[in-house]
Amino acid sequence: MTDNNSFINSIPPVTKNILIINLIVFAACNLLKAVPLSLILAIKPIGLGFSAYQLITYMFTHVDFGHFFFNMFAVFMFGRIIESYWGTKRYIIYYLVTGIGAGLIQLLVCFLTGSFAYTIGASGAVFGLLLAFGMLFPNAPIYIMFIPIPIKAKYMVIGYGILELLFGISDRAGDNVAHFAHLGGMLFGILLIFYWKKKGANNGNGFYY
């Protein structure tokens, strides 16, 4: 029991609460299918029931276990490192901004393409975390499934970004992944990091990101 408590307590507070909230909402969405809760929390296209609150709720909502597991695994692996480095305040601002930014990009894409798709999941914010990790620790080795050698974080981020762009513009039949939301999370992440960097340089205090 002590070991379990020490492990849980070792997770920084914002990352821990993100994991807990996502777990609660995942369980609720699967228990309350008759409502259905996931449709209430999802981002809906403009003109089809969109409300501003959905830009927050969608990023804590998952229905499929695989979608939930891999997003939360990424939050645990990268989020706790970034939060420990940045601190809780900057980390939660970054997580929410990248998640909201991803949602806004997805709304724009749906509007331009005439898509009626609803959007759920933390993937946009997760891609923001990947971007931040690659910028903070560019040479950190990362092991990817089925690839036997480590890849530097900066190359992984660049590779993921290129793949998401290619998948997004290819518009493959049956593809229900919000690739442009992923890119949106990365875009808003890099914009926020550069904003913080510029702000730090201007006030003479230096910048630590």
N, C-alpha and C. Protein backbone atom coordinates (compact mmCIF):
# COMPACT_ATOMS: atom_id res chain seq x y z
N MET A 1 0.83 -1.20 0.00
CA MET A 1 0.00 0.00 0.00
C MET A 1 0.87 1.25 0.00
N THR A 2 1.93 1.22 0.78
CA THR A 2 2.82 2.36 0.84
C THR A 2 3.47 2.62 -0.51
N ASP A 3 3.89 1.53 -1.20
CA ASP A 3 4.50 1.68 -2.51
C ASP A 3 3.53 2.28 -3.51
N ASN A 4 2.27 1.83 -3.49
CA ASN A 4 1.26 2.36 -4.40
C ASN A 4 1.02 3.84 -4.13
N ASN A 5 0.94 4.20 -2.84
CA ASN A 5 0.71 5.59 -2.49
C ASN A 5 1.88 6.47 -2.93
N SER A 6 3.10 5.96 -2.74
CA SER A 6 4.27 6.75 -3.13
C SER A 6 4.33 6.93 -4.64
N PHE A 7 3.90 5.90 -5.39
CA PHE A 7 3.88 6.03 -6.85
C PHE A 7 2.87 7.08 -7.28
N ILE A 8 1.66 7.01 -6.72
CA ILE A 8 0.62 7.98 -7.06
C ILE A 8 1.03 9.39 -6.67
N ASN A 9 1.63 9.52 -5.48
CA ASN A 9 2.05 10.83 -5.01
C ASN A 9 3.21 11.39 -5.80
N SER A 10 3.92 10.53 -6.52
CA SER A 10 5.05 11.00 -7.33
C SER A 10 4.60 11.66 -8.62
N ILE A 11 3.33 11.48 -9.00
CA ILE A 11 2.79 12.10 -10.21
C ILE A 11 2.43 13.55 -9.88
N PRO A 12 2.93 14.54 -10.62
CA PRO A 12 2.61 15.94 -10.35
C PRO A 12 1.10 16.18 -10.35
N PRO A 13 0.61 17.17 -9.61
CA PRO A 13 -0.83 17.31 -9.36
C PRO A 13 -1.70 17.52 -10.60
N VAL A 14 -1.27 18.35 -11.53
CA VAL A 14 -2.11 18.61 -12.70
C VAL A 14 -2.20 17.36 -13.57
N THR A 15 -1.07 16.72 -13.81
CA THR A 15 -1.07 15.48 -14.59
C THR A 15 -1.94 14.42 -13.92
N LYS A 16 -1.82 14.31 -12.61
CA LYS A 16 -2.63 13.33 -11.87
C LYS A 16 -4.12 13.63 -12.04
N ASN A 17 -4.49 14.88 -11.92
CA ASN A 17 -5.91 15.23 -12.02
C ASN A 17 -6.43 15.08 -13.45
N ILE A 18 -5.59 15.35 -14.45
CA ILE A 18 -5.99 15.10 -15.83
C ILE A 18 -6.30 13.62 -16.03
N LEU A 19 -5.44 12.76 -15.52
CA LEU A 19 -5.67 11.32 -15.62
C LEU A 19 -6.94 10.89 -14.91
N ILE A 20 -7.17 11.42 -13.71
CA ILE A 20 -8.34 11.04 -12.92
C ILE A 20 -9.62 11.51 -13.61
N ILE A 21 -9.64 12.76 -14.07
CA ILE A 21 -10.84 13.30 -14.73
C ILE A 21 -11.16 12.50 -15.98
N ASN A 22 -10.15 12.20 -16.77
CA ASN A 22 -10.37 11.41 -17.99
C ASN A 22 -10.90 10.02 -17.66
N LEU A 23 -10.38 9.42 -16.60
CA LEU A 23 -10.84 8.09 -16.20
C LEU A 23 -12.31 8.14 -15.77
N ILE A 24 -12.68 9.15 -14.98
CA ILE A 24 -14.06 9.28 -14.51
C ILE A 24 -15.00 9.49 -15.69
N VAL A 25 -14.62 10.38 -16.60
CA VAL A 25 -15.49 10.67 -17.76
C VAL A 25 -15.57 9.45 -18.68
N PHE A 26 -14.46 8.74 -18.86
CA PHE A 26 -14.47 7.52 -19.68
C PHE A 26 -15.45 6.50 -19.10
N ALA A 27 -15.39 6.30 -17.79
CA ALA A 27 -16.29 5.35 -17.14
C ALA A 27 -17.73 5.81 -17.27
N ALA A 28 -17.97 7.10 -17.06
CA ALA A 28 -19.33 7.64 -17.13
C ALA A 28 -19.91 7.51 -18.54
N CYS A 29 -19.09 7.78 -19.55
CA CYS A 29 -19.56 7.69 -20.93
C CYS A 29 -19.96 6.27 -21.29
N ASN A 30 -19.25 5.29 -20.74
CA ASN A 30 -19.56 3.89 -21.05
C ASN A 30 -20.68 3.34 -20.18
N LEU A 31 -20.91 3.95 -19.03
CA LEU A 31 -22.02 3.52 -18.17
C LEU A 31 -23.32 4.22 -18.53
N LEU A 32 -23.22 5.42 -19.10
CA LEU A 32 -24.41 6.21 -19.40
C LEU A 32 -24.63 6.33 -20.90
N LYS A 33 -24.55 5.20 -21.58
CA LYS A 33 -24.70 5.20 -23.04
C LYS A 33 -26.09 5.63 -23.48
N ALA A 34 -27.07 5.45 -22.62
CA ALA A 34 -28.44 5.82 -22.98
C ALA A 34 -28.62 7.32 -23.03
N VAL A 35 -27.71 8.09 -22.41
CA VAL A 35 -27.92 9.55 -22.34
C VAL A 35 -27.80 10.23 -23.70
N PRO A 36 -26.80 10.05 -24.58
CA PRO A 36 -25.46 9.55 -24.32
C PRO A 36 -24.55 10.72 -23.93
N LEU A 37 -23.77 10.52 -22.90
CA LEU A 37 -22.95 11.59 -22.35
C LEU A 37 -21.88 12.09 -23.32
N SER A 38 -21.28 11.17 -24.07
CA SER A 38 -20.19 11.55 -24.96
C SER A 38 -20.64 12.56 -26.01
N LEU A 39 -21.88 12.46 -26.47
CA LEU A 39 -22.40 13.41 -27.46
C LEU A 39 -22.63 14.78 -26.86
N ILE A 40 -22.93 14.83 -25.58
CA ILE A 40 -23.12 16.11 -24.89
C ILE A 40 -21.78 16.83 -24.73
N LEU A 41 -20.72 16.06 -24.47
CA LEU A 41 -19.41 16.64 -24.18
C LEU A 41 -18.57 16.89 -25.42
N ALA A 42 -18.93 16.27 -26.55
CA ALA A 42 -18.15 16.38 -27.78
C ALA A 42 -18.27 17.76 -28.41
N ILE A 43 -17.26 18.12 -29.22
CA ILE A 43 -17.37 19.32 -30.05
C ILE A 43 -18.28 19.00 -31.23
N LYS A 44 -19.30 19.80 -31.39
CA LYS A 44 -20.22 19.66 -32.52
C LYS A 44 -19.91 20.73 -33.55
N PRO A 45 -20.10 20.45 -34.82
CA PRO A 45 -19.83 21.46 -35.85
C PRO A 45 -20.69 22.71 -35.65
N ILE A 46 -20.17 23.83 -36.10
CA ILE A 46 -20.91 25.09 -36.00
C ILE A 46 -22.22 24.97 -36.77
N GLY A 47 -23.31 25.36 -36.12
CA GLY A 47 -24.63 25.24 -36.71
C GLY A 47 -25.33 23.95 -36.39
N LEU A 48 -24.62 23.03 -35.74
CA LEU A 48 -25.20 21.73 -35.40
C LEU A 48 -25.12 21.47 -33.89
N GLY A 49 -25.18 22.55 -33.13
CA GLY A 49 -25.22 22.39 -31.68
C GLY A 49 -23.93 22.77 -30.97
N PHE A 50 -23.04 23.48 -31.65
CA PHE A 50 -21.78 23.87 -31.00
C PHE A 50 -22.03 24.86 -29.87
N SER A 51 -21.34 24.64 -28.75
CA SER A 51 -21.31 25.58 -27.63
C SER A 51 -19.87 25.70 -27.15
N ALA A 52 -19.52 26.86 -26.62
CA ALA A 52 -18.12 27.13 -26.25
C ALA A 52 -17.59 26.15 -25.22
N TYR A 53 -18.45 25.68 -24.30
CA TYR A 53 -17.98 24.77 -23.25
C TYR A 53 -17.40 23.48 -23.83
N GLN A 54 -17.84 23.11 -25.04
CA GLN A 54 -17.37 21.86 -25.65
C GLN A 54 -15.88 21.88 -25.95
N LEU A 55 -15.29 23.08 -26.08
CA LEU A 55 -13.86 23.20 -26.33
C LEU A 55 -13.05 22.73 -25.11
N ILE A 56 -13.68 22.68 -23.96
CA ILE A 56 -13.05 22.15 -22.75
C ILE A 56 -13.43 20.69 -22.55
N THR A 57 -14.72 20.40 -22.61
CA THR A 57 -15.19 19.06 -22.24
C THR A 57 -14.72 17.98 -23.20
N TYR A 58 -14.56 18.32 -24.49
CA TYR A 58 -14.22 17.28 -25.47
C TYR A 58 -12.87 16.64 -25.17
N MET A 59 -11.93 17.45 -24.62
CA MET A 59 -10.57 16.94 -24.43
C MET A 59 -10.44 16.02 -23.22
N PHE A 60 -11.52 15.86 -22.46
CA PHE A 60 -11.53 14.93 -21.33
C PHE A 60 -12.47 13.74 -21.60
N THR A 61 -12.87 13.60 -22.86
CA THR A 61 -13.90 12.62 -23.20
C THR A 61 -13.38 11.55 -24.15
N HIS A 62 -13.54 10.29 -23.72
CA HIS A 62 -13.18 9.14 -24.57
C HIS A 62 -14.25 8.07 -24.40
N VAL A 63 -14.48 7.30 -25.44
CA VAL A 63 -15.42 6.18 -25.39
C VAL A 63 -14.70 4.87 -25.66
N ASP A 64 -13.83 4.88 -26.66
CA ASP A 64 -13.06 3.69 -27.01
C ASP A 64 -11.89 3.51 -26.05
N PHE A 65 -11.66 2.29 -25.56
CA PHE A 65 -10.60 2.05 -24.58
C PHE A 65 -9.22 2.33 -25.15
N GLY A 66 -8.98 1.90 -26.39
CA GLY A 66 -7.67 2.13 -26.99
C GLY A 66 -7.35 3.60 -27.10
N HIS A 67 -8.33 4.39 -27.53
CA HIS A 67 -8.18 5.84 -27.64
C HIS A 67 -7.85 6.43 -26.26
N PHE A 68 -8.59 6.02 -25.27
CA PHE A 68 -8.38 6.48 -23.89
C PHE A 68 -7.00 6.07 -23.37
N PHE A 69 -6.66 4.80 -23.53
CA PHE A 69 -5.42 4.28 -22.95
C PHE A 69 -4.18 4.97 -23.53
N PHE A 70 -4.10 5.06 -24.85
CA PHE A 70 -2.89 5.62 -25.46
C PHE A 70 -2.76 7.12 -25.19
N ASN A 71 -3.89 7.83 -25.15
CA ASN A 71 -3.81 9.25 -24.81
C ASN A 71 -3.34 9.44 -23.37
N MET A 72 -3.89 8.65 -22.46
CA MET A 72 -3.52 8.80 -21.05
C MET A 72 -2.10 8.30 -20.79
N PHE A 73 -1.68 7.31 -21.54
CA PHE A 73 -0.30 6.85 -21.42
C PHE A 73 0.67 7.97 -21.83
N ALA A 74 0.32 8.68 -22.90
CA ALA A 74 1.15 9.80 -23.34
C ALA A 74 1.14 10.94 -22.32
N VAL A 75 -0.04 11.22 -21.75
CA VAL A 75 -0.11 12.26 -20.71
C VAL A 75 0.77 11.89 -19.53
N PHE A 76 0.71 10.61 -19.13
CA PHE A 76 1.53 10.15 -18.01
C PHE A 76 3.02 10.23 -18.34
N MET A 77 3.41 9.76 -19.50
CA MET A 77 4.82 9.68 -19.86
C MET A 77 5.44 11.07 -20.07
N PHE A 78 4.75 11.93 -20.79
CA PHE A 78 5.32 13.23 -21.13
C PHE A 78 4.84 14.35 -20.20
N GLY A 79 3.57 14.28 -19.80
CA GLY A 79 3.00 15.35 -18.99
C GLY A 79 3.69 15.52 -17.65
N ARG A 80 4.00 14.43 -16.97
CA ARG A 80 4.61 14.55 -15.64
C ARG A 80 6.01 15.14 -15.72
N ILE A 81 6.74 14.85 -16.81
CA ILE A 81 8.08 15.41 -16.99
C ILE A 81 7.98 16.91 -17.27
N ILE A 82 7.06 17.28 -18.16
CA ILE A 82 6.90 18.69 -18.52
C ILE A 82 6.39 19.49 -17.33
N GLU A 83 5.43 18.94 -16.58
CA GLU A 83 4.91 19.65 -15.42
C GLU A 83 6.00 19.84 -14.36
N SER A 84 6.81 18.83 -14.13
CA SER A 84 7.90 18.95 -13.16
C SER A 84 8.91 20.01 -13.60
N TYR A 85 9.08 20.16 -14.90
CA TYR A 85 10.05 21.12 -15.43
C TYR A 85 9.49 22.55 -15.42
N TRP A 86 8.23 22.69 -15.84
CA TRP A 86 7.61 24.00 -15.96
C TRP A 86 6.97 24.49 -14.67
N GLY A 87 6.43 23.58 -13.90
CA GLY A 87 5.60 23.96 -12.77
C GLY A 87 4.12 23.83 -13.14
N THR A 88 3.26 23.75 -12.12
CA THR A 88 1.85 23.45 -12.37
C THR A 88 1.12 24.55 -13.13
N LYS A 89 1.39 25.80 -12.82
CA LYS A 89 0.64 26.89 -13.45
C LYS A 89 0.88 26.95 -14.95
N ARG A 90 2.16 26.96 -15.33
CA ARG A 90 2.47 27.05 -16.76
C ARG A 90 1.99 25.79 -17.48
N TYR A 91 2.11 24.67 -16.83
CA TYR A 91 1.71 23.40 -17.46
C TYR A 91 0.21 23.35 -17.74
N ILE A 92 -0.60 23.73 -16.76
CA ILE A 92 -2.05 23.65 -16.99
C ILE A 92 -2.49 24.66 -18.04
N ILE A 93 -1.86 25.84 -18.06
CA ILE A 93 -2.18 26.81 -19.11
C ILE A 93 -1.85 26.21 -20.48
N TYR A 94 -0.67 25.61 -20.58
CA TYR A 94 -0.25 25.03 -21.86
C TYR A 94 -1.18 23.91 -22.29
N TYR A 95 -1.53 23.02 -21.37
CA TYR A 95 -2.39 21.89 -21.71
C TYR A 95 -3.74 22.37 -22.23
N LEU A 96 -4.34 23.32 -21.53
CA LEU A 96 -5.66 23.81 -21.93
C LEU A 96 -5.60 24.60 -23.23
N VAL A 97 -4.57 25.42 -23.39
CA VAL A 97 -4.46 26.22 -24.62
C VAL A 97 -4.28 25.32 -25.84
N THR A 98 -3.44 24.29 -25.73
CA THR A 98 -3.24 23.40 -26.87
C THR A 98 -4.49 22.57 -27.16
N GLY A 99 -5.18 22.16 -26.10
CA GLY A 99 -6.42 21.41 -26.30
C GLY A 99 -7.50 22.26 -26.94
N ILE A 100 -7.67 23.48 -26.44
CA ILE A 100 -8.67 24.40 -27.02
C ILE A 100 -8.27 24.77 -28.44
N GLY A 101 -6.99 25.05 -28.64
CA GLY A 101 -6.52 25.38 -29.99
C GLY A 101 -6.77 24.26 -30.98
N ALA A 102 -6.54 23.02 -30.55
CA ALA A 102 -6.82 21.88 -31.42
C ALA A 102 -8.30 21.81 -31.77
N GLY A 103 -9.15 22.09 -30.78
CA GLY A 103 -10.59 22.08 -31.02
C GLY A 103 -11.01 23.16 -32.00
N LEU A 104 -10.40 24.35 -31.90
CA LEU A 104 -10.72 25.44 -32.82
C LEU A 104 -10.31 25.10 -34.25
N ILE A 105 -9.13 24.49 -34.40
CA ILE A 105 -8.70 24.08 -35.74
C ILE A 105 -9.64 23.03 -36.30
N GLN A 106 -10.08 22.10 -35.47
CA GLN A 106 -11.00 21.07 -35.93
C GLN A 106 -12.33 21.68 -36.34
N LEU A 107 -12.82 22.66 -35.58
CA LEU A 107 -14.05 23.37 -35.95
C LEU A 107 -13.90 24.04 -37.30
N LEU A 108 -12.76 24.68 -37.52
CA LEU A 108 -12.52 25.37 -38.79
C LEU A 108 -12.49 24.38 -39.95
N VAL A 109 -11.81 23.27 -39.75
CA VAL A 109 -11.72 22.25 -40.81
C VAL A 109 -13.11 21.69 -41.13
N CYS A 110 -13.89 21.41 -40.10
CA CYS A 110 -15.26 20.90 -40.32
C CYS A 110 -16.10 21.92 -41.07
N PHE A 111 -15.93 23.20 -40.72
CA PHE A 111 -16.69 24.26 -41.40
C PHE A 111 -16.30 24.36 -42.86
N LEU A 112 -15.00 24.30 -43.14
CA LEU A 112 -14.52 24.46 -44.52
C LEU A 112 -14.84 23.26 -45.39
N THR A 113 -14.88 22.08 -44.79
CA THR A 113 -15.11 20.85 -45.56
C THR A 113 -16.57 20.41 -45.53
N GLY A 114 -17.39 21.06 -44.69
CA GLY A 114 -18.78 20.66 -44.58
C GLY A 114 -18.98 19.37 -43.81
N SER A 115 -18.01 19.03 -42.98
CA SER A 115 -18.11 17.78 -42.21
C SER A 115 -19.10 17.92 -41.07
N PHE A 116 -19.83 16.84 -40.78
CA PHE A 116 -20.77 16.81 -39.67
C PHE A 116 -20.21 16.02 -38.47
N ALA A 117 -18.91 15.74 -38.50
CA ALA A 117 -18.31 14.88 -37.48
C ALA A 117 -18.24 15.56 -36.12
N TYR A 118 -18.50 14.79 -35.07
CA TYR A 118 -18.28 15.24 -33.70
C TYR A 118 -16.84 14.88 -33.31
N THR A 119 -16.28 15.62 -32.37
CA THR A 119 -14.89 15.41 -31.98
C THR A 119 -14.76 15.22 -30.48
N ILE A 120 -14.07 14.14 -30.08
CA ILE A 120 -13.77 13.91 -28.67
C ILE A 120 -12.31 13.45 -28.56
N GLY A 121 -11.76 13.57 -27.35
CA GLY A 121 -10.45 13.01 -27.08
C GLY A 121 -9.40 14.05 -26.73
N ALA A 122 -8.38 13.60 -26.02
CA ALA A 122 -7.29 14.47 -25.56
C ALA A 122 -6.15 14.56 -26.56
N SER A 123 -6.32 14.00 -27.75
CA SER A 123 -5.21 13.88 -28.69
C SER A 123 -4.59 15.21 -29.06
N GLY A 124 -5.41 16.26 -29.23
CA GLY A 124 -4.87 17.57 -29.58
C GLY A 124 -3.92 18.09 -28.51
N ALA A 125 -4.34 18.00 -27.24
CA ALA A 125 -3.47 18.41 -26.14
C ALA A 125 -2.26 17.50 -26.03
N VAL A 126 -2.45 16.20 -26.30
CA VAL A 126 -1.33 15.25 -26.25
C VAL A 126 -0.28 15.61 -27.30
N PHE A 127 -0.70 15.97 -28.50
CA PHE A 127 0.26 16.38 -29.51
C PHE A 127 0.94 17.68 -29.12
N GLY A 128 0.24 18.53 -28.37
CA GLY A 128 0.89 19.71 -27.81
C GLY A 128 1.98 19.32 -26.83
N LEU A 129 1.72 18.29 -26.02
CA LEU A 129 2.74 17.80 -25.08
C LEU A 129 3.94 17.22 -25.82
N LEU A 130 3.68 16.47 -26.89
CA LEU A 130 4.78 15.92 -27.68
C LEU A 130 5.66 17.04 -28.25
N LEU A 131 5.00 18.08 -28.74
CA LEU A 131 5.73 19.23 -29.27
C LEU A 131 6.59 19.86 -28.19
N ALA A 132 6.01 20.07 -27.01
CA ALA A 132 6.76 20.69 -25.91
C ALA A 132 7.93 19.81 -25.49
N PHE A 133 7.71 18.50 -25.39
CA PHE A 133 8.79 17.60 -24.99
C PHE A 133 9.93 17.65 -26.00
N GLY A 134 9.59 17.68 -27.28
CA GLY A 134 10.61 17.73 -28.31
C GLY A 134 11.41 19.02 -28.28
N MET A 135 10.77 20.11 -27.85
CA MET A 135 11.49 21.38 -27.76
C MET A 135 12.29 21.50 -26.47
N LEU A 136 11.75 20.94 -25.40
CA LEU A 136 12.44 21.00 -24.10
C LEU A 136 13.62 20.05 -24.05
N PHE A 137 13.41 18.86 -24.59
CA PHE A 137 14.42 17.80 -24.50
C PHE A 137 14.66 17.21 -25.90
N PRO A 138 15.19 18.01 -26.82
CA PRO A 138 15.26 17.60 -28.23
C PRO A 138 16.08 16.33 -28.48
N ASN A 139 17.08 16.09 -27.66
CA ASN A 139 17.95 14.94 -27.90
C ASN A 139 17.63 13.74 -27.01
N ALA A 140 16.52 13.83 -26.26
CA ALA A 140 16.14 12.70 -25.40
C ALA A 140 15.76 11.50 -26.27
N PRO A 141 16.28 10.31 -25.96
CA PRO A 141 15.95 9.12 -26.76
C PRO A 141 14.56 8.60 -26.42
N ILE A 142 13.79 8.29 -27.44
CA ILE A 142 12.44 7.77 -27.26
C ILE A 142 12.32 6.47 -28.06
N TYR A 143 11.77 5.47 -27.41
CA TYR A 143 11.55 4.19 -28.08
C TYR A 143 10.10 4.11 -28.56
N ILE A 144 9.93 3.81 -29.82
CA ILE A 144 8.60 3.69 -30.43
C ILE A 144 8.35 2.23 -30.74
N MET A 145 7.11 1.82 -30.52
CA MET A 145 6.73 0.43 -30.75
C MET A 145 7.13 -0.05 -32.15
N PHE A 146 7.72 -1.25 -32.20
CA PHE A 146 8.13 -1.91 -33.44
C PHE A 146 9.39 -1.30 -34.07
N ILE A 147 9.97 -0.28 -33.45
CA ILE A 147 11.22 0.28 -33.95
C ILE A 147 12.29 -0.04 -32.91
N PRO A 148 13.29 -0.87 -33.24
CA PRO A 148 14.22 -1.40 -32.23
C PRO A 148 15.27 -0.41 -31.74
N ILE A 149 15.38 0.76 -32.36
CA ILE A 149 16.39 1.72 -31.94
C ILE A 149 15.72 3.00 -31.45
N PRO A 150 16.36 3.71 -30.50
CA PRO A 150 15.76 4.96 -30.00
C PRO A 150 15.80 6.06 -31.04
N ILE A 151 14.82 6.95 -30.97
CA ILE A 151 14.75 8.10 -31.86
C ILE A 151 14.81 9.36 -31.01
N LYS A 152 15.58 10.33 -31.43
CA LYS A 152 15.64 11.58 -30.70
C LYS A 152 14.27 12.26 -30.73
N ALA A 153 13.91 12.90 -29.61
CA ALA A 153 12.58 13.49 -29.47
C ALA A 153 12.27 14.49 -30.58
N LYS A 154 13.26 15.28 -30.97
CA LYS A 154 13.01 16.30 -31.99
C LYS A 154 12.63 15.67 -33.33
N TYR A 155 13.25 14.53 -33.65
CA TYR A 155 12.92 13.87 -34.90
C TYR A 155 11.56 13.17 -34.84
N MET A 156 11.22 12.66 -33.65
CA MET A 156 9.91 12.05 -33.48
C MET A 156 8.80 13.07 -33.69
N VAL A 157 8.98 14.26 -33.12
CA VAL A 157 7.98 15.32 -33.24
C VAL A 157 7.83 15.74 -34.70
N ILE A 158 8.95 15.94 -35.39
CA ILE A 158 8.90 16.32 -36.80
C ILE A 158 8.23 15.23 -37.62
N GLY A 159 8.58 13.97 -37.34
CA GLY A 159 7.99 12.86 -38.07
C GLY A 159 6.49 12.76 -37.86
N TYR A 160 6.05 12.88 -36.60
CA TYR A 160 4.61 12.83 -36.32
C TYR A 160 3.88 13.97 -37.02
N GLY A 161 4.49 15.16 -37.00
CA GLY A 161 3.85 16.30 -37.64
C GLY A 161 3.67 16.08 -39.13
N ILE A 162 4.70 15.56 -39.79
CA ILE A 162 4.62 15.29 -41.23
C ILE A 162 3.56 14.23 -41.53
N LEU A 163 3.55 13.16 -40.73
CA LEU A 163 2.56 12.10 -40.94
C LEU A 163 1.14 12.62 -40.76
N GLU A 164 0.91 13.42 -39.72
CA GLU A 164 -0.43 13.95 -39.50
C GLU A 164 -0.87 14.85 -40.65
N LEU A 165 0.05 15.64 -41.17
CA LEU A 165 -0.28 16.50 -42.31
C LEU A 165 -0.63 15.65 -43.53
N LEU A 166 0.17 14.63 -43.79
CA LEU A 166 -0.09 13.77 -44.95
C LEU A 166 -1.41 13.03 -44.81
N PHE A 167 -1.67 12.48 -43.61
CA PHE A 167 -2.93 11.78 -43.39
C PHE A 167 -4.11 12.74 -43.50
N GLY A 168 -3.92 13.96 -43.01
CA GLY A 168 -5.01 14.93 -43.04
C GLY A 168 -5.41 15.34 -44.44
N ILE A 169 -4.42 15.59 -45.28
CA ILE A 169 -4.73 16.05 -46.64
C ILE A 169 -5.11 14.90 -47.58
N SER A 170 -4.76 13.67 -47.19
CA SER A 170 -5.09 12.54 -48.06
C SER A 170 -6.57 12.19 -47.99
N ASP A 171 -7.23 12.52 -46.86
CA ASP A 171 -8.67 12.32 -46.71
C ASP A 171 -9.08 10.89 -47.08
N ARG A 172 -8.46 9.92 -46.42
CA ARG A 172 -8.71 8.52 -46.73
C ARG A 172 -10.10 8.09 -46.28
N ALA A 173 -10.73 7.24 -47.05
CA ALA A 173 -12.06 6.72 -46.72
C ALA A 173 -11.99 5.91 -45.42
N GLY A 174 -12.94 6.16 -44.52
CA GLY A 174 -13.01 5.42 -43.27
C GLY A 174 -12.10 5.95 -42.18
N ASP A 175 -11.32 6.99 -42.48
CA ASP A 175 -10.42 7.56 -41.48
C ASP A 175 -11.21 8.51 -40.58
N ASN A 176 -11.37 8.14 -39.30
CA ASN A 176 -12.13 8.99 -38.39
C ASN A 176 -11.24 9.69 -37.37
N VAL A 177 -9.94 9.85 -37.71
CA VAL A 177 -8.99 10.52 -36.82
C VAL A 177 -8.93 12.00 -37.19
N ALA A 178 -8.96 12.86 -36.18
CA ALA A 178 -8.92 14.32 -36.41
C ALA A 178 -7.48 14.78 -36.55
N HIS A 179 -6.89 14.52 -37.71
CA HIS A 179 -5.47 14.80 -37.92
C HIS A 179 -5.16 16.29 -37.80
N PHE A 180 -6.06 17.13 -38.28
CA PHE A 180 -5.79 18.56 -38.22
C PHE A 180 -5.94 19.09 -36.78
N ALA A 181 -6.71 18.42 -35.96
CA ALA A 181 -6.76 18.77 -34.54
C ALA A 181 -5.41 18.48 -33.89
N HIS A 182 -4.79 17.37 -34.26
CA HIS A 182 -3.46 17.04 -33.75
C HIS A 182 -2.46 18.12 -34.14
N LEU A 183 -2.51 18.51 -35.41
CA LEU A 183 -1.63 19.58 -35.89
C LEU A 183 -1.95 20.90 -35.19
N GLY A 184 -3.24 21.11 -34.90
CA GLY A 184 -3.64 22.32 -34.19
C GLY A 184 -3.05 22.38 -32.79
N GLY A 185 -3.00 21.24 -32.11
CA GLY A 185 -2.38 21.19 -30.79
C GLY A 185 -0.91 21.54 -30.86
N MET A 186 -0.23 21.04 -31.88
CA MET A 186 1.19 21.35 -32.07
C MET A 186 1.38 22.82 -32.44
N LEU A 187 0.51 23.33 -33.29
CA LEU A 187 0.62 24.73 -33.72
C LEU A 187 0.45 25.68 -32.55
N PHE A 188 -0.61 25.49 -31.77
CA PHE A 188 -0.83 26.36 -30.62
C PHE A 188 0.25 26.18 -29.57
N GLY A 189 0.80 24.97 -29.48
CA GLY A 189 1.89 24.73 -28.55
C GLY A 189 3.13 25.54 -28.90
N ILE A 190 3.52 25.50 -30.16
CA ILE A 190 4.72 26.23 -30.55
C ILE A 190 4.51 27.74 -30.48
N LEU A 191 3.30 28.19 -30.79
CA LEU A 191 3.01 29.63 -30.68
C LEU A 191 3.09 30.08 -29.22
N LEU A 192 2.55 29.28 -28.30
CA LEU A 192 2.58 29.65 -26.89
C LEU A 192 4.00 29.63 -26.35
N ILE A 193 4.78 28.63 -26.73
CA ILE A 193 6.17 28.55 -26.27
C ILE A 193 6.97 29.74 -26.77
N PHE A 194 6.78 30.12 -28.03
CA PHE A 194 7.50 31.29 -28.56
C PHE A 194 7.02 32.58 -27.90
N TYR A 195 5.73 32.64 -27.58
CA TYR A 195 5.20 33.82 -26.86
C TYR A 195 5.86 33.93 -25.49
N TRP A 196 5.92 32.82 -24.77
CA TRP A 196 6.57 32.83 -23.45
C TRP A 196 8.04 33.19 -23.58
N LYS A 197 8.68 32.67 -24.60
CA LYS A 197 10.10 32.94 -24.80
C LYS A 197 10.33 34.43 -25.06
N LYS A 198 9.50 35.00 -25.92
CA LYS A 198 9.62 36.43 -26.22
C LYS A 198 9.31 37.26 -24.99
N LYS A 199 8.30 36.90 -24.26
CA LYS A 199 7.92 37.63 -23.05
C LYS A 199 9.05 37.57 -22.03
N GLY A 200 9.66 36.41 -21.87
CA GLY A 200 10.76 36.27 -20.92
C GLY A 200 11.96 37.10 -21.33
N ALA A 201 12.26 37.12 -22.65
CA ALA A 201 13.41 37.87 -23.13
C ALA A 201 13.18 39.37 -22.97
N ASN A 202 11.94 39.83 -23.16
CA ASN A 202 11.64 41.25 -23.10
C ASN A 202 11.71 41.81 -21.69
N ASN A 203 11.36 40.99 -20.69
CA ASN A 203 11.33 41.54 -19.33
C ASN A 203 12.67 41.40 -18.62
N GLY A 204 13.67 40.84 -19.34
CA GLY A 204 15.01 40.79 -18.78
C GLY A 204 15.24 39.70 -17.77
N ASN A 205 14.27 38.88 -17.53
CA ASN A 205 14.41 37.81 -16.53
C ASN A 205 14.89 36.51 -17.13
N GLY A 206 15.08 36.48 -18.42
CA GLY A 206 15.43 35.22 -19.07
C GLY A 206 14.19 34.39 -19.30
N PHE A 207 14.33 33.26 -19.94
CA PHE A 207 13.16 32.41 -20.22
C PHE A 207 13.53 30.97 -20.02
N TYR A 208 12.75 30.29 -19.26
CA TYR A 208 13.00 28.88 -18.98
C TYR A 208 11.79 28.06 -19.41
N TYR A 209 11.94 27.31 -20.47
CA TYR A 209 10.85 26.48 -20.93
C TYR A 209 11.40 25.12 -21.27
